[in-house]
Each structure stands twice: as C-alpha cells, then as structure tokens.
Amino acid sequence: MRPHEPSRAPRLVSSRLPGEAPGDPAPPRAPSLIRRCAIGIWLCGIALLGAVEFRRYAMAGGEFSMTPVAWMWLAGSIITGAVGVAWLVRELRRSRR
C-alpha cells in the first residue's frame, strides 16, 4: 500500500440515533447485573470460605469443640455473609426499578 492511499480497513457501524449530531458521544451503557452484584457475590464467597475454616477449627481434635479461634471464624463468616447478602439484595432491588 502506498502512503497516500486511504486504508481499506472495515468501517465501524455507527450507533447514533437519527437526529443526533456526529460529534455527540454515545450514552454509556448501564453495567450488567453480574457486574453490579460482584461485591455481594465476592463477600458471600469469602463468608463461605470462613464457614469452611470455622468447621476445620471446630473439628480440629476429631470431635466438635468450640475454641476461641473457631468462634472468631464463625462470627466473621456471619458478619461477612450478612453484608454480602445485603449488597446483593440492594442491587437486585435497584435492577427491578
């Protein structure tokens, strides 16, 4: 290709609505539901891992015994799970509007 020839790259299809000026920027798309719920999903996953750790510490001696470390894992899992569920409920309510 010579330097003075126009490139033969494919043209992009315009997403402008009729009546919009060519220089107007397109409005941003709303984020998807999974993207809006990502923090809630992540927190619920961390709470699930904490529940697994709670069980591991509570069953460390072969039988169920609540050690202080097991109590901390249980409390942290409950709090983290509650915050994660609250985020999910909040975002799901927003998406219904």
N, C-alpha and C. Protein backbone atom coordinates (compact mmCIF):
# COMPACT_ATOMS: atom_id res chain seq x y z
N MET A 1 0.85 -1.16 0.00
CA MET A 1 0.00 0.00 0.00
C MET A 1 0.90 1.23 0.00
N ARG A 2 0.55 2.17 -0.83
CA ARG A 2 1.31 3.41 -0.90
C ARG A 2 0.86 4.36 0.21
N PRO A 3 1.74 5.26 0.66
CA PRO A 3 1.41 6.14 1.78
C PRO A 3 0.24 7.07 1.51
N HIS A 4 -0.01 7.46 0.28
CA HIS A 4 -1.09 8.42 0.02
C HIS A 4 -2.43 7.75 -0.23
N GLU A 5 -2.52 6.41 -0.23
CA GLU A 5 -3.78 5.71 -0.43
C GLU A 5 -4.53 5.60 0.91
N PRO A 6 -5.84 5.72 0.87
CA PRO A 6 -6.60 5.52 2.12
C PRO A 6 -6.56 4.04 2.51
N SER A 7 -6.62 3.80 3.80
CA SER A 7 -6.58 2.41 4.25
C SER A 7 -7.89 1.71 3.88
N ARG A 8 -7.84 0.42 3.76
CA ARG A 8 -9.02 -0.35 3.39
C ARG A 8 -9.58 -1.10 4.61
N ALA A 9 -9.39 -0.52 5.76
CA ALA A 9 -9.92 -1.14 6.98
C ALA A 9 -11.45 -1.07 6.95
N PRO A 10 -12.11 -2.06 7.53
CA PRO A 10 -13.57 -2.02 7.53
C PRO A 10 -14.08 -0.84 8.35
N ARG A 11 -15.17 -0.27 7.92
CA ARG A 11 -15.77 0.86 8.64
C ARG A 11 -16.61 0.34 9.79
N LEU A 12 -16.57 1.05 10.88
CA LEU A 12 -17.39 0.68 12.03
C LEU A 12 -18.80 1.20 11.83
N VAL A 13 -19.76 0.43 12.25
CA VAL A 13 -21.16 0.83 12.12
C VAL A 13 -21.46 1.84 13.22
N SER A 14 -22.09 2.91 12.88
CA SER A 14 -22.42 3.96 13.84
C SER A 14 -23.62 3.53 14.67
N SER A 15 -23.56 3.84 15.96
CA SER A 15 -24.69 3.54 16.84
C SER A 15 -25.49 4.79 17.16
N ARG A 16 -25.36 5.82 16.33
CA ARG A 16 -26.10 7.06 16.56
C ARG A 16 -27.57 6.89 16.20
N LEU A 17 -28.41 7.57 16.94
CA LEU A 17 -29.83 7.59 16.62
C LEU A 17 -30.09 8.66 15.58
N PRO A 18 -31.16 8.52 14.82
CA PRO A 18 -31.47 9.57 13.85
C PRO A 18 -31.65 10.91 14.55
N GLY A 19 -31.08 11.93 14.01
CA GLY A 19 -31.19 13.27 14.58
C GLY A 19 -30.05 13.65 15.50
N GLU A 20 -29.19 12.71 15.85
CA GLU A 20 -28.04 13.04 16.69
C GLU A 20 -26.92 13.60 15.83
N ALA A 21 -26.22 14.55 16.37
CA ALA A 21 -25.09 15.13 15.65
C ALA A 21 -23.93 14.13 15.64
N PRO A 22 -23.10 14.18 14.61
CA PRO A 22 -22.00 13.22 14.53
C PRO A 22 -20.99 13.33 15.66
N GLY A 23 -20.86 14.47 16.29
CA GLY A 23 -19.88 14.65 17.35
C GLY A 23 -20.40 14.30 18.73
N ASP A 24 -21.71 14.04 18.89
CA ASP A 24 -22.27 13.72 20.20
C ASP A 24 -21.78 12.35 20.66
N PRO A 25 -21.27 12.28 21.89
CA PRO A 25 -20.83 10.96 22.38
C PRO A 25 -22.05 10.09 22.69
N ALA A 26 -21.88 8.81 22.49
CA ALA A 26 -22.97 7.87 22.78
C ALA A 26 -23.13 7.77 24.29
N PRO A 27 -24.36 7.61 24.77
CA PRO A 27 -24.55 7.49 26.22
C PRO A 27 -23.93 6.18 26.72
N PRO A 28 -23.35 6.20 27.90
CA PRO A 28 -22.73 4.97 28.41
C PRO A 28 -23.79 3.92 28.72
N ARG A 29 -23.43 2.66 28.50
CA ARG A 29 -24.35 1.57 28.79
C ARG A 29 -24.38 1.33 30.29
N ALA A 30 -25.52 0.88 30.78
CA ALA A 30 -25.63 0.54 32.19
C ALA A 30 -24.84 -0.74 32.45
N PRO A 31 -24.18 -0.85 33.60
CA PRO A 31 -23.42 -2.07 33.89
C PRO A 31 -24.36 -3.27 34.03
N SER A 32 -23.86 -4.43 33.70
CA SER A 32 -24.68 -5.64 33.77
C SER A 32 -24.97 -6.00 35.22
N LEU A 33 -25.96 -6.87 35.40
CA LEU A 33 -26.36 -7.27 36.75
C LEU A 33 -25.22 -7.98 37.48
N ILE A 34 -24.49 -8.82 36.80
CA ILE A 34 -23.39 -9.54 37.44
C ILE A 34 -22.29 -8.57 37.87
N ARG A 35 -22.08 -7.51 37.10
CA ARG A 35 -21.07 -6.52 37.47
C ARG A 35 -21.53 -5.70 38.67
N ARG A 36 -22.82 -5.39 38.74
CA ARG A 36 -23.33 -4.62 39.88
C ARG A 36 -23.35 -5.47 41.15
N CYS A 37 -23.52 -6.77 41.02
CA CYS A 37 -23.60 -7.66 42.19
C CYS A 37 -22.25 -8.26 42.56
N ALA A 38 -21.19 -7.86 41.92
CA ALA A 38 -19.89 -8.51 42.11
C ALA A 38 -19.41 -8.42 43.55
N ILE A 39 -19.57 -7.30 44.21
CA ILE A 39 -19.09 -7.16 45.59
C ILE A 39 -19.87 -8.08 46.51
N GLY A 40 -21.18 -8.13 46.33
CA GLY A 40 -22.00 -9.02 47.15
C GLY A 40 -21.66 -10.48 46.94
N ILE A 41 -21.44 -10.87 45.70
CA ILE A 41 -21.07 -12.26 45.39
C ILE A 41 -19.71 -12.57 46.01
N TRP A 42 -18.78 -11.65 45.90
CA TRP A 42 -17.44 -11.84 46.45
C TRP A 42 -17.50 -11.99 47.97
N LEU A 43 -18.26 -11.13 48.64
CA LEU A 43 -18.37 -11.22 50.09
C LEU A 43 -19.03 -12.52 50.53
N CYS A 44 -20.03 -12.98 49.80
CA CYS A 44 -20.66 -14.26 50.13
C CYS A 44 -19.68 -15.42 49.94
N GLY A 45 -18.85 -15.34 48.94
CA GLY A 45 -17.82 -16.37 48.74
C GLY A 45 -16.80 -16.37 49.86
N ILE A 46 -16.39 -15.19 50.30
CA ILE A 46 -15.45 -15.10 51.42
C ILE A 46 -16.10 -15.65 52.69
N ALA A 47 -17.39 -15.38 52.89
CA ALA A 47 -18.10 -15.92 54.06
C ALA A 47 -18.17 -17.44 54.00
N LEU A 48 -18.35 -17.99 52.80
CA LEU A 48 -18.38 -19.45 52.66
C LEU A 48 -17.01 -20.05 53.02
N LEU A 49 -15.94 -19.41 52.56
CA LEU A 49 -14.60 -19.88 52.94
C LEU A 49 -14.39 -19.78 54.45
N GLY A 50 -14.91 -18.74 55.06
CA GLY A 50 -14.81 -18.60 56.52
C GLY A 50 -15.59 -19.68 57.24
N ALA A 51 -16.73 -20.08 56.69
CA ALA A 51 -17.51 -21.16 57.30
C ALA A 51 -16.75 -22.49 57.22
N VAL A 52 -16.04 -22.69 56.12
CA VAL A 52 -15.21 -23.90 56.00
C VAL A 52 -14.10 -23.88 57.03
N GLU A 53 -13.48 -22.72 57.21
CA GLU A 53 -12.42 -22.60 58.23
C GLU A 53 -12.99 -22.80 59.63
N PHE A 54 -14.19 -22.28 59.89
CA PHE A 54 -14.83 -22.49 61.19
C PHE A 54 -14.98 -23.98 61.46
N ARG A 55 -15.47 -24.71 60.48
CA ARG A 55 -15.67 -26.15 60.66
C ARG A 55 -14.31 -26.84 60.89
N ARG A 56 -13.31 -26.40 60.18
CA ARG A 56 -11.98 -27.01 60.32
C ARG A 56 -11.43 -26.79 61.74
N TYR A 57 -11.59 -25.57 62.27
CA TYR A 57 -11.09 -25.29 63.62
C TYR A 57 -11.98 -25.93 64.69
N ALA A 58 -13.29 -26.00 64.46
CA ALA A 58 -14.19 -26.58 65.44
C ALA A 58 -14.03 -28.10 65.51
N MET A 59 -13.61 -28.73 64.41
CA MET A 59 -13.44 -30.18 64.38
C MET A 59 -11.96 -30.58 64.42
N ALA A 60 -11.10 -29.72 64.93
CA ALA A 60 -9.65 -29.96 64.87
C ALA A 60 -9.24 -31.20 65.65
N GLY A 61 -9.85 -31.48 66.78
CA GLY A 61 -9.45 -32.62 67.60
C GLY A 61 -10.18 -33.90 67.25
N GLY A 62 -10.93 -33.92 66.18
CA GLY A 62 -11.68 -35.11 65.81
C GLY A 62 -13.12 -35.08 66.30
N GLU A 63 -13.40 -34.24 67.25
CA GLU A 63 -14.78 -34.05 67.72
C GLU A 63 -15.06 -32.55 67.78
N PHE A 64 -16.33 -32.22 67.84
CA PHE A 64 -16.74 -30.82 67.80
C PHE A 64 -16.36 -30.13 69.11
N SER A 65 -15.53 -29.10 69.04
CA SER A 65 -15.16 -28.30 70.21
C SER A 65 -14.98 -26.86 69.77
N MET A 66 -15.70 -25.98 70.44
CA MET A 66 -15.67 -24.56 70.07
C MET A 66 -14.49 -23.86 70.76
N THR A 67 -13.44 -23.65 70.01
CA THR A 67 -12.29 -22.91 70.50
C THR A 67 -12.51 -21.43 70.22
N PRO A 68 -11.74 -20.56 70.87
CA PRO A 68 -11.88 -19.12 70.57
C PRO A 68 -11.63 -18.79 69.10
N VAL A 69 -10.71 -19.49 68.48
CA VAL A 69 -10.44 -19.24 67.06
C VAL A 69 -11.64 -19.66 66.21
N ALA A 70 -12.28 -20.78 66.57
CA ALA A 70 -13.47 -21.21 65.83
C ALA A 70 -14.59 -20.18 65.98
N TRP A 71 -14.75 -19.63 67.18
CA TRP A 71 -15.77 -18.60 67.39
C TRP A 71 -15.50 -17.36 66.52
N MET A 72 -14.22 -16.99 66.40
CA MET A 72 -13.88 -15.82 65.57
C MET A 72 -14.18 -16.10 64.10
N TRP A 73 -13.88 -17.31 63.63
CA TRP A 73 -14.20 -17.65 62.24
C TRP A 73 -15.71 -17.63 62.02
N LEU A 74 -16.47 -18.16 62.99
CA LEU A 74 -17.93 -18.18 62.86
C LEU A 74 -18.50 -16.77 62.84
N ALA A 75 -18.05 -15.92 63.76
CA ALA A 75 -18.55 -14.54 63.82
C ALA A 75 -18.19 -13.77 62.54
N GLY A 76 -16.95 -13.92 62.09
CA GLY A 76 -16.54 -13.23 60.87
C GLY A 76 -17.31 -13.70 59.65
N SER A 77 -17.59 -15.00 59.59
CA SER A 77 -18.35 -15.53 58.46
C SER A 77 -19.78 -15.02 58.46
N ILE A 78 -20.39 -14.97 59.62
CA ILE A 78 -21.78 -14.48 59.70
C ILE A 78 -21.85 -13.01 59.31
N ILE A 79 -20.94 -12.20 59.84
CA ILE A 79 -20.95 -10.77 59.52
C ILE A 79 -20.67 -10.54 58.03
N THR A 80 -19.67 -11.21 57.50
CA THR A 80 -19.32 -11.04 56.08
C THR A 80 -20.46 -11.53 55.19
N GLY A 81 -21.07 -12.64 55.54
CA GLY A 81 -22.20 -13.15 54.76
C GLY A 81 -23.39 -12.21 54.81
N ALA A 82 -23.66 -11.64 55.98
CA ALA A 82 -24.79 -10.71 56.10
C ALA A 82 -24.56 -9.46 55.25
N VAL A 83 -23.34 -8.94 55.26
CA VAL A 83 -23.03 -7.76 54.45
C VAL A 83 -23.14 -8.12 52.96
N GLY A 84 -22.65 -9.29 52.57
CA GLY A 84 -22.75 -9.72 51.17
C GLY A 84 -24.18 -9.87 50.71
N VAL A 85 -25.02 -10.47 51.54
CA VAL A 85 -26.44 -10.63 51.19
C VAL A 85 -27.11 -9.26 51.11
N ALA A 86 -26.75 -8.36 52.03
CA ALA A 86 -27.34 -7.01 51.99
C ALA A 86 -26.98 -6.31 50.68
N TRP A 87 -25.73 -6.43 50.22
CA TRP A 87 -25.32 -5.84 48.94
C TRP A 87 -26.10 -6.45 47.79
N LEU A 88 -26.26 -7.78 47.80
CA LEU A 88 -27.00 -8.45 46.73
C LEU A 88 -28.45 -8.00 46.68
N VAL A 89 -29.09 -7.96 47.84
CA VAL A 89 -30.50 -7.54 47.89
C VAL A 89 -30.63 -6.11 47.41
N ARG A 90 -29.72 -5.24 47.83
CA ARG A 90 -29.77 -3.84 47.41
C ARG A 90 -29.66 -3.71 45.89
N GLU A 91 -28.73 -4.41 45.29
CA GLU A 91 -28.54 -4.32 43.84
C GLU A 91 -29.69 -4.97 43.08
N LEU A 92 -30.23 -6.05 43.60
CA LEU A 92 -31.36 -6.70 42.92
C LEU A 92 -32.61 -5.83 43.00
N ARG A 93 -32.79 -5.13 44.11
CA ARG A 93 -33.93 -4.20 44.19
C ARG A 93 -33.76 -3.04 43.23
N ARG A 94 -32.53 -2.56 43.09
CA ARG A 94 -32.27 -1.47 42.14
C ARG A 94 -32.55 -1.89 40.71
N SER A 95 -32.25 -3.14 40.39
CA SER A 95 -32.42 -3.59 39.00
C SER A 95 -33.89 -3.75 38.64
N ARG A 96 -34.77 -3.88 39.62
CA ARG A 96 -36.20 -4.03 39.34
C ARG A 96 -36.88 -2.70 39.04
N ARG A 97 -36.24 -1.60 39.40
CA ARG A 97 -36.83 -0.26 39.15
C ARG A 97 -36.76 0.09 37.71
